[in-house]
Amino acid sequence: MSNNGKFLTEILPSQNVSEVKWRGNTIKVTARVVQQFESMKLKFLNNLLLNLEKRFPTDSTNVINAFGILSLRNMRFQNENLSTYRNEELVPLLSRYGSAKKMQGSTDVPAVVDAKKCRIEWNFVKELVVREHYTVGHIAKLWKMLATHHSEENGYN
């Protein structure tokens, strides 16, 4: 590895050779190599950001953020405005999972959940958590408790 410095200077002869120590090895780089590296780094980061934006468009991050409602964090144990509590955050979830999707070049993907039943169950869960004074804020513990003690109950009987 320490011979790489000599190799780099032979391939890219230039003025202002500087040395970099890395893991006990000396690497010689030129201003030209540094400039090429910076250019490649910039291209790489721009492509990475473009790919992330394609993979996770704004509407999908809204869906990810909307999952936060399932912890029922900041829910107060009183019935005021319970019927509307965080209903607006349910909208992106039901939009994403509660309706069939047309896929380009393939068959339609059916809805994952019944949006109407989800709204009913959402209201039922809010009332149940308030009535039973369940601890909120920790999503896994809350929903495990709901599944354990209320698996036979639902809001649309």
Protein backbone atom coordinates (compact mmCIF):
# COMPACT_ATOMS: atom_id res chain seq x y z
CA MET A 1 0.00 0.00 0.00
CA SER A 2 2.82 2.43 0.75
CA ASN A 3 3.92 2.02 -2.89
CA ASN A 4 0.61 3.52 -4.03
CA GLY A 5 1.93 7.04 -3.45
CA LYS A 6 4.71 6.45 -5.97
CA PHE A 7 2.22 4.83 -8.36
CA LEU A 8 -0.18 7.78 -8.16
CA THR A 9 2.55 10.33 -8.82
CA GLU A 10 3.77 8.32 -11.83
CA ILE A 11 0.27 8.19 -13.33
CA LEU A 12 -0.70 11.76 -12.48
CA PRO A 13 2.47 13.80 -12.34
CA SER A 14 1.77 17.21 -10.95
CA GLN A 15 3.16 19.88 -8.75
CA ASN A 16 2.27 20.28 -5.07
CA VAL A 17 2.36 16.61 -4.12
CA SER A 18 1.17 16.19 -0.55
CA GLU A 19 1.37 13.18 1.71
CA VAL A 20 -1.42 11.65 3.71
CA LYS A 21 -0.83 9.10 6.45
CA TRP A 22 -3.53 6.44 6.64
CA ARG A 23 -3.30 3.29 8.76
CA GLY A 24 0.44 3.53 8.93
CA ASN A 25 0.82 4.04 5.19
CA THR A 26 1.88 7.09 3.28
CA ILE A 27 -0.32 8.09 0.38
CA LYS A 28 0.86 10.83 -1.91
CA VAL A 29 -1.82 12.85 -3.62
CA THR A 30 -1.76 15.81 -5.93
CA ALA A 31 -4.06 18.79 -6.15
CA ARG A 32 -5.44 17.26 -9.35
CA VAL A 33 -6.30 14.00 -7.56
CA VAL A 34 -7.98 15.92 -4.76
CA GLN A 35 -9.97 17.93 -7.29
CA GLN A 36 -11.02 14.72 -9.12
CA PHE A 37 -12.00 13.15 -5.83
CA GLU A 38 -14.09 16.17 -4.84
CA SER A 39 -15.81 16.12 -8.24
CA MET A 40 -16.58 12.39 -7.94
CA LYS A 41 -17.78 12.85 -4.36
CA LEU A 42 -20.16 15.62 -5.45
CA LYS A 43 -21.53 13.51 -8.32
CA PHE A 44 -21.94 10.53 -6.00
CA LEU A 45 -23.80 12.54 -3.34
CA ASN A 46 -26.07 14.19 -5.94
CA ASN A 47 -26.94 10.79 -7.42
CA LEU A 48 -27.51 9.38 -3.94
CA LEU A 49 -29.94 12.21 -3.11
CA LEU A 50 -31.76 11.80 -6.43
CA ASN A 51 -32.13 8.06 -5.83
CA LEU A 52 -33.39 8.65 -2.28
CA GLU A 53 -35.95 11.15 -3.59
CA LYS A 54 -37.09 8.61 -6.20
CA ARG A 55 -37.24 5.80 -3.65
CA PHE A 56 -38.86 7.87 -0.91
CA PRO A 57 -40.92 10.64 -2.49
CA THR A 58 -42.46 13.31 -0.28
CA ASP A 59 -45.79 11.49 -0.11
CA SER A 60 -44.11 8.37 1.28
CA THR A 61 -42.36 10.34 4.02
CA ASN A 62 -45.75 11.80 4.93
CA VAL A 63 -46.97 8.22 5.29
CA ILE A 64 -44.00 7.28 7.45
CA ASN A 65 -44.57 10.32 9.67
CA ALA A 66 -48.28 9.51 9.88
CA PHE A 67 -47.49 6.15 11.52
CA GLY A 68 -46.54 8.19 14.60
CA ILE A 69 -50.23 8.55 15.46
CA LEU A 70 -50.34 4.90 16.45
CA SER A 71 -48.43 5.67 19.65
CA LEU A 72 -51.26 8.02 20.70
CA ARG A 73 -48.55 10.27 22.16
CA ASN A 74 -49.88 13.51 23.68
CA MET A 75 -53.32 12.01 24.09
CA ARG A 76 -54.98 13.33 27.20
CA PHE A 77 -57.30 11.25 29.31
CA GLN A 78 -60.36 13.32 28.70
CA ASN A 79 -63.07 13.04 26.15
CA GLU A 80 -62.80 16.56 24.76
CA ASN A 81 -62.21 16.42 20.99
CA LEU A 82 -61.58 12.67 21.16
CA SER A 83 -63.70 12.10 18.07
CA THR A 84 -61.36 14.29 16.00
CA TYR A 85 -58.07 13.55 17.79
CA ARG A 86 -55.35 13.10 15.10
CA ASN A 87 -57.83 12.06 12.43
CA GLU A 88 -56.01 14.25 9.89
CA GLU A 89 -52.89 12.09 10.32
CA LEU A 90 -54.91 9.00 9.50
CA VAL A 91 -55.66 10.38 6.03
CA PRO A 92 -52.23 9.66 4.42
CA LEU A 93 -52.26 6.13 5.84
CA LEU A 94 -55.71 5.37 4.50
CA SER A 95 -54.90 7.03 1.20
CA ARG A 96 -51.83 4.82 0.85
CA TYR A 97 -53.19 1.53 2.21
CA GLY A 98 -56.97 1.87 2.07
CA SER A 99 -57.52 2.03 -1.68
CA ALA A 100 -56.57 -0.09 -4.67
CA LYS A 101 -53.58 1.12 -6.66
CA LYS A 102 -53.02 1.03 -10.41
CA MET A 103 -49.54 -0.26 -11.12
CA GLN A 104 -47.83 0.56 -14.38
CA GLY A 105 -47.63 -2.49 -16.62
CA SER A 106 -49.10 -4.92 -14.11
CA THR A 107 -52.30 -5.85 -12.38
CA ASP A 108 -53.98 -3.62 -9.85
CA VAL A 109 -52.89 -3.94 -6.24
CA PRO A 110 -55.90 -4.25 -3.92
CA ALA A 111 -56.31 -2.15 -0.80
CA VAL A 112 -54.43 -3.50 2.19
CA VAL A 113 -57.04 -2.32 4.71
CA ASP A 114 -60.70 -1.36 4.66
CA ALA A 115 -60.58 2.42 5.10
CA LYS A 116 -64.10 2.67 6.53
CA LYS A 117 -63.43 -0.03 9.14
CA CYS A 118 -60.08 1.58 10.02
CA ARG A 119 -61.76 4.89 10.80
CA ILE A 120 -64.29 3.13 13.02
CA GLU A 121 -61.59 1.10 14.75
CA TRP A 122 -59.42 4.22 15.20
CA ASN A 123 -62.23 5.92 17.10
CA PHE A 124 -62.85 2.76 19.11
CA VAL A 125 -59.14 2.49 20.10
CA LYS A 126 -58.98 6.14 21.18
CA GLU A 127 -62.05 5.69 23.38
CA LEU A 128 -60.70 2.41 24.78
CA VAL A 129 -57.30 3.90 25.67
CA VAL A 130 -58.98 6.82 27.45
CA ARG A 131 -61.50 4.62 29.22
CA GLU A 132 -58.85 2.13 30.44
CA HIS A 133 -56.21 4.81 31.14
CA TYR A 134 -53.59 2.91 29.14
CA THR A 135 -50.08 4.30 29.01
CA VAL A 136 -49.46 6.00 25.69
CA GLY A 137 -46.29 7.02 23.90
CA HIS A 138 -44.64 3.62 23.46
CA ILE A 139 -46.20 2.18 20.33
CA ALA A 140 -45.11 -1.46 20.72
CA LYS A 141 -46.21 -1.77 24.35
CA LEU A 142 -49.54 -0.06 23.72
CA TRP A 143 -50.53 -2.17 20.73
CA LYS A 144 -49.31 -5.39 22.37
CA MET A 145 -51.54 -4.60 25.35
CA LEU A 146 -54.47 -3.80 23.05
CA ALA A 147 -53.96 -7.04 21.12
CA THR A 148 -53.57 -9.09 24.30
CA HIS A 149 -56.54 -7.73 26.22
CA HIS A 150 -58.88 -6.62 23.47
CA SER A 151 -58.26 -8.92 20.51
CA GLU A 152 -61.90 -9.99 20.41
CA GLU A 153 -63.19 -6.44 20.57
CA ASN A 154 -63.37 -4.07 17.66
CA GLY A 155 -65.09 -0.87 16.84
CA TYR A 156 -67.36 -2.17 14.11
CA ASN A 157 -69.51 -4.81 15.78
